[in-house]
Amino acid sequence: MSDVKQSHTVNEEDSIDIVALLKKFWLQRKLVMRATALFFGLGLFIALLSKNYFSTSTTIVPVTESSSVGGNLGGLASLAGINLGGGGSSGGEISPELYPEIVSSIPFKLELLNTPLTIEGIDSTLTYQAYYENHYSPGFLANLKKYTLGLPGVIIGALKSDEVAKVKAPSKNTILRLTKEEAALIKQLDEQIQLNVNAKEGFISLTATLPEAEASAQLALKAQNLLQRYALQFKTQKSIEQLQYIEERFAEKEREFNAKKTAYAAFQDSNRGMNTALAQSQLMQLQAEYDIAFTVYTELAKQLETQRLQVKKDTPIFTILKPVSIPKEKAGPKKALILVIYTFLGFIGSLGYVLAKDFLKDFKKDWDNA
């Protein structure tokens, strides 16, 4: 019986605390309403002044036909000291990790800086770099943030010397030199170009975001074409290098074969009707040299055709599931969502202020009485 009575007492105390809390909020309702209205106005201000942006996406399915070709055709070519291996197959699908590495690479971004863009209000096309360096205006809010919260960074940047960024090129023994402007634009591209690799389903999604609808589509298309080209170069590099090696050896052995053939034919013509042992011995030697040269030449010709087929087999085929198109609606900012978030923050913040104010007052009283 006592337990029931105690439970009833606890529930009654909780109810009293909730009622007291609600009463406290009600007494401060004007403060809550003013704070909520203030944040609503701030959200409306930000929503109206935020610059619109558009996103264009494309979905690509890369397919590589992998099979081993060539077999043992290079066996006799080894007589000439040439090791052709098994046909140079690189085989297998392109690793999913390759595509993010391509998109994040400096050469890829540098090529994107030269993408021609169609900008509303400008008659001729501009490159991405020219647009952002000479025509783009970030808007009032971006400038306000730059010269308030970002003011220390602006001052530090102004005090620094005009250094040139140096980035080592991944594919050549050279140094890529970037100006500060190029380095800043490349950093900006990291936010504007998004790549999503779905390794399980086997497709790639590429998204480009810009303040202009048509320009976002043009940037996405350029990024798509560059991604395909870079992946093609990477996947077929080994096969193409081996094809070039075989072509060089084939040209050498073709010249050698023609020389042996000419020598053999010339000896036959000049020694027609002669049946001496020396002549027969020389003829047999020339015949043997001709046969070896012909065999190696024939096998290299087969290997050359086989390697050409291998290059085609290693060449990725890209299927475009979702082609690039000009967006009809802006991707952001979500103005209604901004209003809701700021209004909610104002309401919750004002309630928190009411609680914190009384808590600090009680804490100060306890501190003074201690």
Protein backbone atom coordinates (compact mmCIF):
# COMPACT_ATOMS: atom_id res chain seq x y z
CA MET A 1 0.00 0.00 0.00
CA SER A 2 2.86 2.34 0.87
CA ASP A 3 4.55 1.60 -2.51
CA VAL A 4 1.40 2.62 -4.38
CA LYS A 5 1.17 5.80 -2.35
CA GLN A 6 4.86 6.59 -2.97
CA SER A 7 4.47 6.02 -6.73
CA HIS A 8 1.45 8.32 -6.77
CA THR A 9 3.45 10.99 -4.97
CA VAL A 10 6.35 10.74 -7.50
CA ASN A 11 3.97 11.01 -10.48
CA GLU A 12 2.32 14.03 -8.88
CA GLU A 13 5.70 15.71 -8.38
CA ASP A 14 6.66 15.07 -12.03
CA SER A 15 3.35 16.54 -13.13
CA ILE A 16 3.95 19.60 -10.96
CA ASP A 17 7.46 20.02 -12.45
CA ILE A 18 6.12 19.88 -16.01
CA VAL A 19 3.36 22.35 -15.22
CA ALA A 20 5.90 24.67 -13.56
CA LEU A 21 8.15 24.39 -16.59
CA LEU A 22 5.33 25.18 -18.99
CA LYS A 23 4.31 28.12 -16.81
CA LYS A 24 7.87 29.41 -16.91
CA PHE A 25 7.86 29.26 -20.70
CA TRP A 26 4.47 30.91 -20.83
CA LEU A 27 5.61 33.82 -18.70
CA GLN A 28 8.53 34.31 -21.08
CA ARG A 29 6.39 33.83 -24.19
CA LYS A 30 7.15 37.29 -25.54
CA LEU A 31 10.87 36.57 -25.42
CA VAL A 32 10.32 33.20 -27.14
CA MET A 33 8.15 34.77 -29.82
CA ARG A 34 10.61 37.63 -30.44
CA ALA A 35 13.56 35.23 -30.70
CA THR A 36 11.63 32.91 -33.00
CA ALA A 37 10.56 35.83 -35.21
CA LEU A 38 14.13 37.13 -35.26
CA PHE A 39 15.51 33.80 -36.42
CA PHE A 40 12.67 33.47 -38.93
CA GLY A 41 13.67 36.84 -40.39
CA LEU A 42 17.33 35.78 -40.43
CA GLY A 43 16.41 32.57 -42.23
CA LEU A 44 14.31 34.51 -44.74
CA PHE A 45 17.21 36.92 -45.32
CA ILE A 46 19.65 34.06 -45.94
CA ALA A 47 17.18 32.15 -48.14
CA LEU A 48 16.48 35.16 -50.36
CA LEU A 49 20.12 36.19 -50.75
CA SER A 50 21.57 32.70 -51.19
CA LYS A 51 22.75 32.14 -54.74
CA ASN A 52 20.99 29.42 -56.74
CA TYR A 53 22.97 26.46 -58.00
CA PHE A 54 22.20 23.67 -60.47
CA SER A 55 23.36 20.05 -60.49
CA THR A 56 23.75 17.76 -63.50
CA SER A 57 24.49 14.07 -63.11
CA THR A 58 25.33 11.20 -65.42
CA THR A 59 25.51 7.46 -64.80
CA ILE A 60 28.15 5.33 -66.53
CA VAL A 61 28.60 1.55 -66.66
CA PRO A 62 32.19 0.57 -67.56
CA VAL A 63 32.61 -2.89 -69.13
CA THR A 64 35.90 -4.54 -70.03
CA GLU A 65 36.08 -7.77 -72.03
CA SER A 66 38.92 -9.80 -70.55
CA SER A 67 40.25 -12.94 -72.10
CA SER A 68 43.67 -14.35 -72.75
CA VAL A 69 44.79 -14.44 -76.34
CA GLY A 70 48.00 -15.33 -78.04
CA GLY A 71 48.58 -18.77 -76.60
CA ASN A 72 52.04 -20.08 -77.46
CA LEU A 73 52.52 -18.18 -80.70
CA GLY A 74 55.73 -16.62 -79.40
CA GLY A 75 57.58 -19.92 -79.08
CA LEU A 76 59.54 -19.73 -82.29
CA ALA A 77 60.04 -15.98 -81.89
CA SER A 78 62.27 -16.82 -78.93
CA LEU A 79 64.78 -18.11 -81.48
CA ALA A 80 65.45 -14.46 -82.26
CA GLY A 81 65.90 -13.61 -78.58
CA ILE A 82 62.44 -12.02 -78.27
CA ASN A 83 60.28 -12.78 -75.24
CA LEU A 84 56.67 -11.91 -76.08
CA GLY A 85 54.99 -13.45 -73.06
CA GLY A 86 51.37 -14.52 -73.27
CA GLY A 87 50.00 -11.75 -75.45
CA GLY A 88 50.06 -8.88 -72.99
CA SER A 89 46.62 -9.32 -71.55
CA SER A 90 45.95 -7.01 -68.70
CA GLY A 91 42.65 -8.73 -68.08
CA GLY A 92 39.95 -8.08 -65.52
CA GLU A 93 37.61 -5.24 -64.81
CA ILE A 94 38.84 -1.75 -64.01
CA SER A 95 39.30 -1.36 -60.28
CA PRO A 96 36.57 0.83 -58.72
CA GLU A 97 39.27 2.70 -56.80
CA LEU A 98 40.70 3.94 -60.10
CA TYR A 99 37.90 6.41 -60.89
CA PRO A 100 38.11 8.53 -57.70
CA GLU A 101 41.87 8.68 -58.18
CA ILE A 102 41.38 9.96 -61.73
CA VAL A 103 38.84 12.60 -60.72
CA SER A 104 41.01 13.85 -57.85
CA SER A 105 44.19 14.01 -59.94
CA ILE A 106 45.77 17.38 -60.79
CA PRO A 107 45.99 16.79 -64.60
CA PHE A 108 42.27 15.90 -64.67
CA LYS A 109 41.35 19.11 -62.83
CA LEU A 110 43.64 21.21 -65.01
CA GLU A 111 41.85 20.00 -68.11
CA LEU A 112 38.50 20.81 -66.51
CA LEU A 113 39.67 24.41 -66.02
CA ASN A 114 39.61 24.75 -69.83
CA THR A 115 36.01 23.55 -70.19
CA PRO A 116 34.03 25.99 -72.40
CA LEU A 117 30.94 27.21 -70.54
CA THR A 118 27.84 29.02 -71.76
CA ILE A 119 26.98 31.76 -69.28
CA GLU A 120 23.68 33.62 -69.33
CA GLY A 121 24.17 37.25 -70.34
CA ILE A 122 27.53 36.63 -72.04
CA ASP A 123 27.52 36.22 -75.83
CA SER A 124 30.61 34.05 -76.24
CA THR A 125 31.61 30.94 -74.31
CA LEU A 126 34.12 31.22 -71.49
CA THR A 127 36.45 28.67 -70.01
CA TYR A 128 35.77 27.62 -66.46
CA GLN A 129 38.90 29.43 -65.31
CA ALA A 130 38.07 32.67 -67.17
CA TYR A 131 34.50 32.64 -65.83
CA TYR A 132 35.52 32.35 -62.18
CA GLU A 133 38.47 34.72 -62.45
CA ASN A 134 36.79 37.52 -64.43
CA HIS A 135 32.99 37.23 -64.34
CA TYR A 136 31.68 35.21 -61.40
CA SER A 137 30.25 37.07 -58.40
CA PRO A 138 29.79 34.94 -55.27
CA GLY A 139 26.99 37.14 -53.94
CA PHE A 140 26.45 39.27 -50.85
CA LEU A 141 26.38 36.44 -48.32
CA ALA A 142 29.60 34.88 -49.57
CA ASN A 143 31.38 38.25 -49.44
CA LEU A 144 29.95 38.93 -45.98
CA LYS A 145 31.25 35.59 -44.73
CA LYS A 146 34.61 36.14 -46.41
CA TYR A 147 35.20 39.52 -44.77
CA THR A 148 33.81 38.59 -41.34
CA LEU A 149 34.40 34.96 -40.39
CA GLY A 150 36.99 34.52 -43.12
CA LEU A 151 38.78 37.82 -42.57
CA PRO A 152 41.81 36.25 -40.79
CA GLY A 153 42.34 33.96 -43.76
CA VAL A 154 42.10 36.90 -46.18
CA ILE A 155 44.71 38.86 -44.19
CA ILE A 156 47.07 35.88 -43.97
CA GLY A 157 46.68 35.23 -47.71
CA ALA A 158 47.46 38.87 -48.50
CA LEU A 159 50.61 38.80 -46.37
CA LYS A 160 51.92 35.66 -48.05
CA SER A 161 54.18 36.01 -51.05
CA ASP A 162 52.81 35.12 -54.46
CA GLU A 163 54.25 31.62 -54.46
CA VAL A 164 53.75 29.05 -57.16
CA ALA A 165 52.41 25.69 -56.05
CA LYS A 166 54.40 22.73 -57.24
CA VAL A 167 52.79 19.36 -57.78
CA LYS A 168 54.63 16.35 -59.11
CA ALA A 169 52.97 14.89 -62.19
CA PRO A 170 51.93 11.24 -61.64
CA SER A 171 52.71 10.01 -65.14
CA LYS A 172 55.86 11.93 -66.15
CA ASN A 173 59.15 12.91 -64.60
CA THR A 174 58.19 16.56 -64.65
CA ILE A 175 56.82 19.08 -62.20
CA LEU A 176 53.41 20.67 -62.69
CA ARG A 177 53.51 24.31 -61.66
CA LEU A 178 50.24 25.82 -60.49
CA THR A 179 49.53 29.47 -59.81
CA LYS A 180 47.66 30.41 -56.64
CA GLU A 181 44.55 31.06 -58.75
CA GLU A 182 44.74 27.61 -60.36
CA ALA A 183 45.27 25.94 -56.99
CA ALA A 184 42.20 27.75 -55.59
CA LEU A 185 40.06 26.75 -58.58
CA ILE A 186 41.20 23.12 -58.32
CA LYS A 187 40.20 23.12 -54.65
CA GLN A 188 36.83 24.56 -55.67
CA LEU A 189 36.37 21.79 -58.26
CA ASP A 190 36.71 19.25 -55.45
CA GLU A 191 33.39 20.53 -54.12
CA GLN A 192 31.70 20.95 -57.50
CA ILE A 193 32.55 17.55 -59.01
CA GLN A 194 31.23 14.58 -57.05
CA LEU A 195 31.87 10.95 -58.00
CA ASN A 196 29.99 8.00 -56.54
CA VAL A 197 31.25 4.50 -57.38
CA ASN A 198 28.78 1.67 -56.79
CA ALA A 199 31.12 -1.31 -56.98
CA LYS A 200 28.36 -3.77 -56.09
CA GLU A 201 26.01 -2.74 -58.90
CA GLY A 202 28.85 -1.84 -61.27
CA PHE A 203 28.04 1.77 -62.18
CA ILE A 204 29.49 5.24 -61.63
CA SER A 205 27.55 8.43 -60.91
CA LEU A 206 29.18 11.74 -61.75
CA THR A 207 27.63 15.04 -60.64
CA ALA A 208 28.63 18.60 -61.50
CA THR A 209 27.26 21.63 -59.64
CA LEU A 210 27.50 25.22 -60.90
CA PRO A 211 25.52 28.47 -60.58
CA GLU A 212 24.41 28.15 -64.25
CA ALA A 213 22.17 25.32 -65.50
CA GLU A 214 23.70 24.88 -68.96
CA ALA A 215 27.22 25.37 -67.62
CA SER A 216 26.70 22.57 -65.09
CA ALA A 217 25.71 20.23 -67.93
CA GLN A 218 28.76 21.26 -69.98
CA LEU A 219 31.09 20.65 -67.04
CA ALA A 220 29.51 17.25 -66.34
CA LEU A 221 29.88 16.23 -70.00
CA LYS A 222 33.53 17.30 -70.07
CA ALA A 223 34.22 15.40 -66.83
CA GLN A 224 32.48 12.31 -68.22
CA ASN A 225 34.55 12.36 -71.42
CA LEU A 226 37.78 12.95 -69.51
CA LEU A 227 37.01 10.12 -67.11
CA GLN A 228 36.45 7.73 -70.00
CA ARG A 229 39.65 8.86 -71.74
CA TYR A 230 41.82 8.56 -68.64
CA ALA A 231 40.38 5.13 -67.80
CA LEU A 232 40.97 4.03 -71.41
CA GLN A 233 44.60 5.13 -71.26
CA PHE A 234 45.15 3.38 -67.94
CA LYS A 235 43.49 0.12 -68.95
CA THR A 236 45.12 -0.23 -72.37
CA GLN A 237 48.54 1.18 -71.49
CA LYS A 238 50.18 -2.22 -70.97
CA SER A 239 48.67 -3.74 -74.11
CA ILE A 240 49.54 -0.72 -76.24
CA GLU A 241 53.14 -0.65 -74.98
CA GLN A 242 53.53 -4.33 -75.79
CA LEU A 243 51.92 -3.77 -79.20
CA GLN A 244 54.47 -1.04 -79.92
CA TYR A 245 57.28 -3.36 -78.82
CA ILE A 246 56.04 -6.14 -81.14
CA GLU A 247 55.67 -3.69 -84.03
CA GLU A 248 59.29 -2.58 -83.61
CA ARG A 249 60.55 -6.17 -83.47
CA PHE A 250 58.36 -7.08 -86.44
CA ALA A 251 59.83 -4.23 -88.50
CA GLU A 252 63.36 -5.38 -87.61
CA LYS A 253 62.68 -9.01 -88.50
CA GLU A 254 60.88 -7.99 -91.68
CA ARG A 255 63.98 -6.13 -92.86
CA GLU A 256 66.16 -9.09 -91.84
CA PHE A 257 63.86 -11.53 -93.63
CA ASN A 258 63.89 -9.43 -96.82
CA ALA A 259 67.69 -9.29 -96.70
CA LYS A 260 67.96 -13.07 -96.28
CA LYS A 261 65.46 -13.62 -99.08
CA THR A 262 67.35 -11.31 -101.41
CA ALA A 263 70.69 -12.94 -100.58
CA TYR A 264 69.28 -16.42 -101.12
CA ALA A 265 67.70 -15.50 -104.46
CA ALA A 266 70.81 -13.66 -105.64
CA PHE A 267 73.05 -16.63 -104.83
CA GLN A 268 70.73 -18.97 -106.73
CA ASP A 269 70.76 -16.69 -109.77
CA SER A 270 74.52 -16.26 -109.75
CA ASN A 271 75.29 -19.96 -109.25
CA ARG A 272 72.71 -21.46 -111.55
CA GLY A 273 74.03 -24.73 -113.06
CA MET A 274 76.95 -24.99 -110.64
CA ASN A 275 77.03 -28.28 -108.75
CA THR A 276 80.21 -27.90 -106.73
CA ALA A 277 80.21 -28.99 -103.09
CA LEU A 278 81.15 -25.47 -101.94
CA ALA A 279 78.23 -23.93 -103.82
CA GLN A 280 75.83 -26.51 -102.46
CA SER A 281 77.10 -25.91 -98.91
CA GLN A 282 76.65 -22.14 -99.22
CA LEU A 283 73.20 -22.64 -100.72
CA MET A 284 72.17 -24.88 -97.82
CA GLN A 285 73.45 -22.33 -95.31
CA LEU A 286 71.52 -19.51 -97.01
CA GLN A 287 68.46 -21.77 -97.18
CA ALA A 288 68.66 -22.45 -93.43
CA GLU A 289 69.07 -18.75 -92.61
CA TYR A 290 66.16 -17.91 -94.89
CA ASP A 291 63.93 -20.57 -93.29
CA ILE A 292 64.66 -19.35 -89.74
CA ALA A 293 64.09 -15.72 -90.74
CA PHE A 294 60.86 -16.65 -92.50
CA THR A 295 59.61 -18.64 -89.50
CA VAL A 296 60.34 -15.85 -87.01
CA TYR A 297 58.85 -13.27 -89.38
CA THR A 298 55.67 -15.34 -89.81
CA GLU A 299 55.23 -15.91 -86.09
CA LEU A 300 55.81 -12.24 -85.33
CA ALA A 301 53.18 -11.34 -87.92
CA LYS A 302 50.73 -13.66 -86.12
CA GLN A 303 51.73 -12.22 -82.75
CA LEU A 304 51.24 -8.70 -84.07
CA GLU A 305 47.68 -9.41 -85.19
CA THR A 306 46.99 -11.21 -81.91
CA GLN A 307 48.22 -8.24 -79.89
CA ARG A 308 46.09 -5.85 -81.93
CA LEU A 309 43.08 -7.96 -81.00
CA GLN A 310 44.21 -7.91 -77.37
CA VAL A 311 44.29 -4.11 -77.35
CA LYS A 312 40.71 -4.08 -78.59
CA LYS A 313 39.70 -6.61 -75.93
CA ASP A 314 41.31 -4.56 -73.18
CA THR A 315 39.63 -1.37 -74.36
CA PRO A 316 36.82 -0.50 -71.90
CA ILE A 317 33.31 -0.05 -73.25
CA PHE A 318 31.32 2.64 -71.46
CA THR A 319 27.54 2.42 -71.47
CA ILE A 320 25.82 5.69 -70.57
CA LEU A 321 22.73 4.78 -68.53
CA LYS A 322 21.86 8.40 -67.74
CA PRO A 323 23.14 10.90 -70.30
CA VAL A 324 23.97 14.48 -69.40
CA SER A 325 21.04 16.89 -69.69
CA ILE A 326 20.48 20.54 -68.78
CA PRO A 327 18.63 20.72 -65.44
CA LYS A 328 15.26 22.47 -65.50
CA GLU A 329 15.07 23.16 -61.76
CA LYS A 330 17.66 24.43 -59.34
CA ALA A 331 19.22 22.00 -56.90
CA GLY A 332 19.44 24.58 -54.16
CA PRO A 333 19.29 26.37 -51.93
CA LYS A 334 16.24 24.77 -50.27
CA LYS A 335 14.66 28.01 -49.11
CA ALA A 336 11.70 26.42 -47.31
CA LEU A 337 14.07 24.11 -45.44
CA ILE A 338 16.27 27.07 -44.47
CA LEU A 339 13.24 28.88 -43.04
CA VAL A 340 12.14 25.82 -41.06
CA ILE A 341 15.63 25.20 -39.66
CA TYR A 342 16.22 28.80 -38.58
CA THR A 343 12.72 29.11 -37.08
CA PHE A 344 13.23 25.87 -35.15
CA LEU A 345 16.66 27.02 -33.94
CA GLY A 346 15.17 30.32 -32.76
CA PHE A 347 12.37 28.58 -30.88
CA ILE A 348 14.58 25.93 -29.24
CA GLY A 349 17.33 28.46 -28.53
CA SER A 350 14.93 30.82 -26.77
CA LEU A 351 13.56 27.99 -24.61
CA GLY A 352 17.10 27.01 -23.73
CA TYR A 353 17.88 30.61 -22.84
CA VAL A 354 14.89 30.74 -20.46
CA LEU A 355 16.06 27.59 -18.68
CA ALA A 356 19.69 28.67 -18.61
CA LYS A 357 18.85 32.12 -17.23
CA ASP A 358 17.02 30.69 -14.20
CA PHE A 359 19.67 28.04 -13.72
CA LEU A 360 22.46 30.62 -13.70
CA LYS A 361 20.48 32.82 -11.30
CA ASP A 362 20.01 29.91 -8.87
CA PHE A 363 23.64 28.88 -9.30
CA LYS A 364 24.84 32.42 -8.48
CA LYS A 365 22.61 32.54 -5.38
CA ASP A 366 23.95 29.18 -4.18
CA TRP A 367 27.51 30.34 -4.88
CA ASP A 368 27.05 33.52 -2.85
CA ASN A 369 25.44 31.63 0.05
CA ALA A 370 28.15 28.94 0.10
